[in-house]
Amino acid sequence: MEYEVFKVLTEEGACAERTLCLPDGLAFARWSNGDGEIEYHKPAHHTLSVYVEGGWDSWRLERGRPVQNGYPGAVCLFADGADSSWRLRAHFRFLHFYFRQADLARAAQQVWDAEPTAYEPEPNYFFRDPLLQQAVQLLQAGDWTDPAQRLGADHLAQWMLLHVAGNHTRRRGPLPDVRGRLSPAQAARVCEFVEAHLAETLSLQRLAATVQLSPYHFARLFRTTFGEPPYRYVQHRRMERARQCLERGDEKIVSIALNCGFSDHSQFTRAFRRHFGVSPSALRPGMVERRSAD
């Protein structure tokens, strides 16, 4: 992962329990850390940090002296180019969201059509933001190896970018109200694109680009049109294709998994069982006939 804060934590012995790199360069990491002192020196990216367990004995330092301490649910926004020093005296867990100013500026321009320099965050440490806490809880509950849930995490990442832009920069403002639906031609184009690319990694940005919308506007119009968010629709289409391939019985399960966007057999089996309540092998023609005879 090419983010300086991630590298510093790794070099200092922190444990990256889970990592998720999204197609457009955004990334998440859940960390576990304990005793030590850490310094971040002018990182070339932003980091949003949310404490998920412990943190009372995590202190921010100024001139070597502790000035603020953490707590469960605390949010810190490390702005690019800003130095910070930290002293840790007990084990705690936290989730990091890594993004660059270009990501934030692009998202703000697409949604508010505003000058991107107006959406530059400043460092802010140990504040409360219930919506960000809820987003982190959703992320933690997901399986980051599941392609559908990675697309869901990408959806959350795009929302978090806009939430930071609208609430934690110099220019603040509510997200626009999006009404209406995708046109029939737009809906058909998206469906055709999904069917043609089920074997690939699909991001919200990539799906939105098929109809020339921002991820924010696309996600809302898509849900109104199809009655479910994009990541769930894509998962349903992957599972339906897998079911059809299994019932034909002429393809290996590992090949079906790869053609439906899964990187390995076990990942596919878990997702398939969650969706259909049975293992992939249970839908093979011979197994279906045997179950019918029973």
Protein backbone atom coordinates (compact mmCIF):
# COMPACT_ATOMS: atom_id res chain seq x y z
CA MET A 1 0.00 0.00 0.00
CA GLU A 2 1.57 3.27 -1.18
CA TYR A 3 0.35 5.48 1.68
CA GLU A 4 2.98 6.97 4.01
CA VAL A 5 0.88 6.66 7.18
CA PHE A 6 0.37 2.96 6.44
CA LYS A 7 4.13 2.50 5.95
CA VAL A 8 5.01 4.33 9.18
CA LEU A 9 2.62 2.21 11.22
CA THR A 10 3.98 -0.98 9.68
CA GLU A 11 7.59 0.06 10.38
CA GLU A 12 6.68 0.86 14.01
CA GLY A 13 5.27 -2.64 14.57
CA ALA A 14 1.52 -1.97 14.41
CA CYS A 15 -0.56 -4.87 13.13
CA ALA A 16 -2.69 -4.32 10.01
CA GLU A 17 -5.44 -6.84 10.81
CA ARG A 18 -7.38 -6.18 7.59
CA THR A 19 -6.66 -4.14 4.47
CA LEU A 20 -8.79 -3.26 1.47
CA CYS A 21 -7.45 -1.48 -1.62
CA LEU A 22 -10.24 -0.19 -3.84
CA PRO A 23 -10.00 0.07 -7.64
CA ASP A 24 -9.71 3.88 -7.75
CA GLY A 25 -6.83 4.06 -5.27
CA LEU A 26 -8.81 4.58 -2.06
CA ALA A 27 -7.95 2.20 0.78
CA PHE A 28 -9.03 1.02 4.22
CA ALA A 29 -7.01 -0.65 6.96
CA ARG A 30 -7.99 -1.84 10.43
CA TRP A 31 -5.10 -1.60 12.87
CA SER A 32 -4.17 -2.97 16.26
CA ASN A 33 -1.47 -1.12 18.17
CA GLY A 34 -0.02 -0.72 21.65
CA ASP A 35 2.97 0.87 23.43
CA GLY A 36 5.21 3.24 21.49
CA GLU A 37 5.62 6.66 19.96
CA ILE A 38 4.81 7.50 16.34
CA GLU A 39 5.50 10.54 14.17
CA TYR A 40 3.90 11.35 10.84
CA HIS A 41 5.95 13.79 8.79
CA LYS A 42 4.06 15.66 6.07
CA PRO A 43 2.29 12.70 4.43
CA ALA A 44 1.20 13.34 0.83
CA HIS A 45 -2.32 12.11 1.51
CA HIS A 46 -5.21 12.49 3.95
CA THR A 47 -6.07 9.87 6.58
CA LEU A 48 -9.39 9.57 8.36
CA SER A 49 -9.02 7.57 11.57
CA VAL A 50 -11.86 6.19 13.71
CA TYR A 51 -11.17 4.45 17.03
CA VAL A 52 -13.14 1.21 17.24
CA GLU A 53 -11.83 -0.26 20.52
CA GLY A 54 -10.00 1.41 23.41
CA GLY A 55 -7.83 4.47 22.85
CA TRP A 56 -7.96 6.16 26.25
CA ASP A 57 -4.17 5.90 26.53
CA SER A 58 -3.45 7.20 23.03
CA TRP A 59 -2.16 10.77 23.26
CA ARG A 60 -1.41 13.46 20.69
CA LEU A 61 1.79 15.35 21.50
CA GLU A 62 2.81 18.95 21.01
CA ARG A 63 6.48 19.77 21.71
CA GLY A 64 6.75 16.39 23.36
CA ARG A 65 3.89 16.97 25.79
CA PRO A 66 0.50 15.18 25.70
CA VAL A 67 -2.35 17.55 24.83
CA GLN A 68 -5.27 15.28 23.80
CA ASN A 69 -6.19 11.66 24.36
CA GLY A 70 -8.43 9.29 22.45
CA TYR A 71 -11.54 7.27 23.32
CA PRO A 72 -13.76 4.68 21.58
CA GLY A 73 -15.52 6.33 18.64
CA ALA A 74 -13.07 9.25 18.40
CA VAL A 75 -12.40 10.54 14.89
CA CYS A 76 -9.14 12.11 13.71
CA LEU A 77 -8.54 13.76 10.34
CA PHE A 78 -4.87 13.82 9.38
CA ALA A 79 -4.55 16.34 6.54
CA ASP A 80 -1.84 15.96 3.93
CA GLY A 81 1.33 17.90 4.64
CA ALA A 82 0.67 18.11 8.40
CA ASP A 83 3.10 16.77 11.03
CA SER A 84 1.79 14.99 14.11
CA SER A 85 3.27 13.05 17.04
CA TRP A 86 1.64 10.35 19.17
CA ARG A 87 2.32 8.44 22.39
CA LEU A 88 0.60 5.08 22.96
CA ARG A 89 0.43 3.34 26.31
CA ALA A 90 -2.20 0.59 25.89
CA HIS A 91 -3.58 -1.70 23.21
CA PHE A 92 -6.38 -0.29 21.01
CA ARG A 93 -7.91 -0.75 17.55
CA PHE A 94 -8.70 1.83 14.90
CA LEU A 95 -9.75 1.98 11.26
CA HIS A 96 -8.00 4.15 8.70
CA PHE A 97 -9.41 5.49 5.44
CA TYR A 98 -6.70 6.71 3.05
CA PHE A 99 -7.37 9.15 0.22
CA ARG A 100 -5.66 11.98 -1.62
CA GLN A 101 -6.69 15.58 -2.18
CA ALA A 102 -7.31 14.75 -5.85
CA ASP A 103 -9.92 12.17 -4.77
CA LEU A 104 -11.64 14.69 -2.52
CA ALA A 105 -11.53 17.46 -5.14
CA ARG A 106 -12.93 15.18 -7.86
CA ALA A 107 -15.82 14.07 -5.66
CA ALA A 108 -16.63 17.65 -4.61
CA GLN A 109 -16.50 18.96 -8.19
CA GLN A 110 -18.79 16.22 -9.45
CA VAL A 111 -21.41 16.80 -6.76
CA TRP A 112 -21.26 20.55 -6.01
CA ASP A 113 -19.56 21.81 -9.20
CA ALA A 114 -17.37 23.99 -6.99
CA GLU A 115 -13.75 25.12 -6.96
CA PRO A 116 -11.77 22.14 -5.58
CA THR A 117 -9.46 24.26 -3.40
CA ALA A 118 -12.51 25.14 -1.28
CA TYR A 119 -12.63 21.52 -0.12
CA GLU A 120 -9.20 21.16 1.48
CA PRO A 121 -9.45 19.72 5.01
CA GLU A 122 -7.42 20.96 7.95
CA PRO A 123 -6.06 18.70 10.73
CA ASN A 124 -8.67 17.91 13.36
CA TYR A 125 -8.12 15.46 16.20
CA PHE A 126 -10.47 13.60 18.55
CA PHE A 127 -13.91 14.79 17.53
CA ARG A 128 -17.23 12.97 17.31
CA ASP A 129 -19.07 12.16 14.10
CA PRO A 130 -21.88 9.59 14.56
CA LEU A 131 -22.37 9.12 10.81
CA LEU A 132 -18.72 8.21 10.30
CA GLN A 133 -18.96 5.82 13.24
CA GLN A 134 -21.94 4.10 11.61
CA ALA A 135 -20.05 3.82 8.31
CA VAL A 136 -17.11 2.20 10.08
CA GLN A 137 -19.42 -0.26 11.84
CA LEU A 138 -20.83 -1.29 8.46
CA LEU A 139 -17.33 -1.71 7.06
CA GLN A 140 -16.21 -3.83 9.97
CA ALA A 141 -19.20 -6.13 9.62
CA GLY A 142 -18.40 -6.93 5.99
CA ASP A 143 -16.23 -9.60 4.40
CA TRP A 144 -13.54 -7.59 2.61
CA THR A 145 -12.64 -10.58 0.41
CA ASP A 146 -16.14 -10.84 -1.09
CA PRO A 147 -16.34 -8.95 -4.44
CA ALA A 148 -19.89 -7.75 -3.76
CA GLN A 149 -18.97 -6.44 -0.33
CA ARG A 150 -15.87 -4.76 -1.78
CA LEU A 151 -18.20 -2.89 -4.14
CA GLY A 152 -20.32 -2.01 -1.09
CA ALA A 153 -17.18 -0.74 0.66
CA ASP A 154 -16.40 1.34 -2.42
CA HIS A 155 -19.89 2.83 -2.16
CA LEU A 156 -19.20 3.73 1.49
CA ALA A 157 -15.79 5.17 0.57
CA GLN A 158 -17.38 7.50 -1.99
CA TRP A 159 -19.93 8.61 0.61
CA MET A 160 -17.17 9.18 3.18
CA LEU A 161 -15.27 11.41 0.72
CA LEU A 162 -18.36 13.55 0.29
CA HIS A 163 -19.07 13.58 4.02
CA VAL A 164 -15.55 14.87 4.70
CA ALA A 165 -15.89 17.48 1.93
CA GLY A 166 -19.28 18.65 3.16
CA ASN A 167 -18.58 18.63 6.90
CA HIS A 168 -14.85 18.80 7.62
CA THR A 169 -13.41 21.34 5.17
CA ARG A 170 -13.49 25.12 4.94
CA ARG A 171 -16.48 25.04 2.60
CA ARG A 172 -19.34 23.07 4.07
CA GLY A 173 -22.75 22.28 2.73
CA PRO A 174 -25.40 19.57 2.54
CA LEU A 175 -25.40 16.97 -0.17
CA PRO A 176 -27.86 17.77 -2.96
CA ASP A 177 -31.23 16.07 -2.98
CA VAL A 178 -31.32 13.61 -5.90
CA ARG A 179 -34.70 12.70 -7.37
CA GLY A 180 -35.84 10.76 -10.40
CA ARG A 181 -34.66 7.58 -12.06
CA LEU A 182 -32.23 6.42 -14.67
CA SER A 183 -33.74 6.66 -18.13
CA PRO A 184 -34.62 3.35 -19.85
CA ALA A 185 -31.61 3.79 -22.13
CA GLN A 186 -29.29 4.47 -19.16
CA ALA A 187 -30.66 1.50 -17.20
CA ALA A 188 -30.17 -0.80 -20.20
CA ARG A 189 -26.61 0.47 -20.70
CA VAL A 190 -25.69 -0.19 -17.07
CA CYS A 191 -27.22 -3.68 -17.15
CA GLU A 192 -25.37 -4.57 -20.35
CA PHE A 193 -22.11 -3.30 -18.87
CA VAL A 194 -22.56 -5.34 -15.68
CA GLU A 195 -23.35 -8.53 -17.64
CA ALA A 196 -20.28 -8.05 -19.83
CA HIS A 197 -17.91 -7.41 -16.90
CA LEU A 198 -19.06 -9.73 -14.09
CA ALA A 199 -15.66 -11.44 -14.06
CA GLU A 200 -13.91 -8.13 -13.36
CA THR A 201 -13.56 -5.83 -10.36
CA LEU A 202 -16.38 -3.29 -10.59
CA SER A 203 -16.17 0.04 -8.79
CA LEU A 204 -18.94 2.54 -8.25
CA GLN A 205 -16.92 5.09 -10.23
CA ARG A 206 -16.68 2.69 -13.17
CA LEU A 207 -20.39 1.91 -13.15
CA ALA A 208 -21.32 5.58 -12.89
CA ALA A 209 -19.05 6.43 -15.83
CA THR A 210 -21.16 4.26 -18.15
CA VAL A 211 -23.94 6.85 -17.91
CA GLN A 212 -21.70 9.89 -17.24
CA LEU A 213 -22.89 10.53 -13.70
CA SER A 214 -21.03 11.12 -10.45
CA PRO A 215 -20.94 8.07 -8.13
CA TYR A 216 -23.19 9.97 -5.69
CA HIS A 217 -25.92 10.75 -8.24
CA PHE A 218 -25.60 7.36 -9.92
CA ALA A 219 -26.01 5.38 -6.68
CA ARG A 220 -29.20 7.24 -5.77
CA LEU A 221 -30.77 7.05 -9.22
CA PHE A 222 -29.80 3.39 -9.52
CA ARG A 223 -31.47 2.51 -6.24
CA THR A 224 -34.67 4.32 -7.23
CA THR A 225 -34.66 2.56 -10.61
CA PHE A 226 -33.81 -1.00 -9.52
CA GLY A 227 -34.98 -1.02 -5.90
CA GLU A 228 -31.56 -1.97 -4.53
CA PRO A 229 -28.04 -0.49 -4.39
CA PRO A 230 -25.56 -1.24 -7.19
CA TYR A 231 -23.39 -3.62 -5.14
CA ARG A 232 -26.39 -5.82 -4.29
CA TYR A 233 -27.58 -5.87 -7.89
CA VAL A 234 -24.11 -6.93 -9.09
CA GLN A 235 -23.98 -9.68 -6.46
CA HIS A 236 -27.38 -11.01 -7.56
CA ARG A 237 -26.25 -11.09 -11.19
CA ARG A 238 -23.03 -12.91 -10.27
CA MET A 239 -24.93 -15.48 -8.28
CA GLU A 240 -27.50 -16.00 -11.04
CA ARG A 241 -24.78 -16.54 -13.63
CA ALA A 242 -23.06 -19.00 -11.29
CA ARG A 243 -26.31 -20.90 -10.77
CA GLN A 244 -26.91 -21.20 -14.50
CA CYS A 245 -23.36 -22.42 -15.12
CA LEU A 246 -23.62 -25.00 -12.33
CA GLU A 247 -26.93 -26.35 -13.60
CA ARG A 248 -25.45 -26.85 -17.07
CA GLY A 249 -22.78 -29.00 -15.43
CA ASP A 250 -20.12 -28.49 -18.13
CA GLU A 251 -17.68 -26.23 -16.26
CA LYS A 252 -15.42 -26.66 -13.23
CA ILE A 253 -16.49 -24.82 -10.09
CA VAL A 254 -13.19 -22.95 -9.85
CA SER A 255 -13.67 -21.70 -13.42
CA ILE A 256 -17.22 -20.59 -12.63
CA ALA A 257 -15.91 -18.73 -9.57
CA LEU A 258 -13.35 -16.81 -11.65
CA ASN A 259 -15.88 -16.00 -14.39
CA CYS A 260 -18.21 -14.56 -11.74
CA GLY A 261 -15.63 -12.23 -10.23
CA PHE A 262 -14.30 -14.35 -7.34
CA SER A 263 -10.59 -14.89 -6.82
CA ASP A 264 -10.78 -18.39 -5.38
CA HIS A 265 -13.02 -21.41 -4.82
CA SER A 266 -13.54 -20.96 -1.05
CA GLN A 267 -14.51 -17.29 -1.38
CA PHE A 268 -17.05 -18.21 -4.04
CA THR A 269 -18.44 -21.11 -1.98
CA ARG A 270 -19.02 -18.87 1.06
CA ALA A 271 -20.83 -16.23 -1.01
CA PHE A 272 -22.89 -18.84 -2.87
CA ARG A 273 -23.97 -20.55 0.36
CA ARG A 274 -24.99 -17.19 1.88
CA HIS A 275 -27.05 -16.39 -1.21
CA PHE A 276 -28.73 -19.74 -1.97
CA GLY A 277 -28.43 -21.62 1.32
CA VAL A 278 -26.59 -24.55 -0.33
CA SER A 279 -23.08 -25.21 -1.63
CA PRO A 280 -22.30 -24.81 -5.36
CA SER A 281 -21.90 -28.57 -5.79
CA ALA A 282 -25.49 -29.08 -4.61
CA LEU A 283 -26.72 -27.51 -7.86
CA ARG A 284 -24.81 -29.87 -10.14
CA PRO A 285 -27.30 -31.86 -12.32
CA GLY A 286 -26.47 -35.19 -10.66
CA MET A 287 -26.94 -33.76 -7.16
CA VAL A 288 -30.26 -32.11 -8.12
CA GLU A 289 -31.60 -35.40 -9.53
CA ARG A 290 -30.46 -37.33 -6.44
CA ARG A 291 -32.15 -34.84 -4.09
CA SER A 292 -35.36 -35.02 -6.17
CA ALA A 293 -35.37 -38.82 -5.93
CA ASP A 294 -34.96 -38.64 -2.17
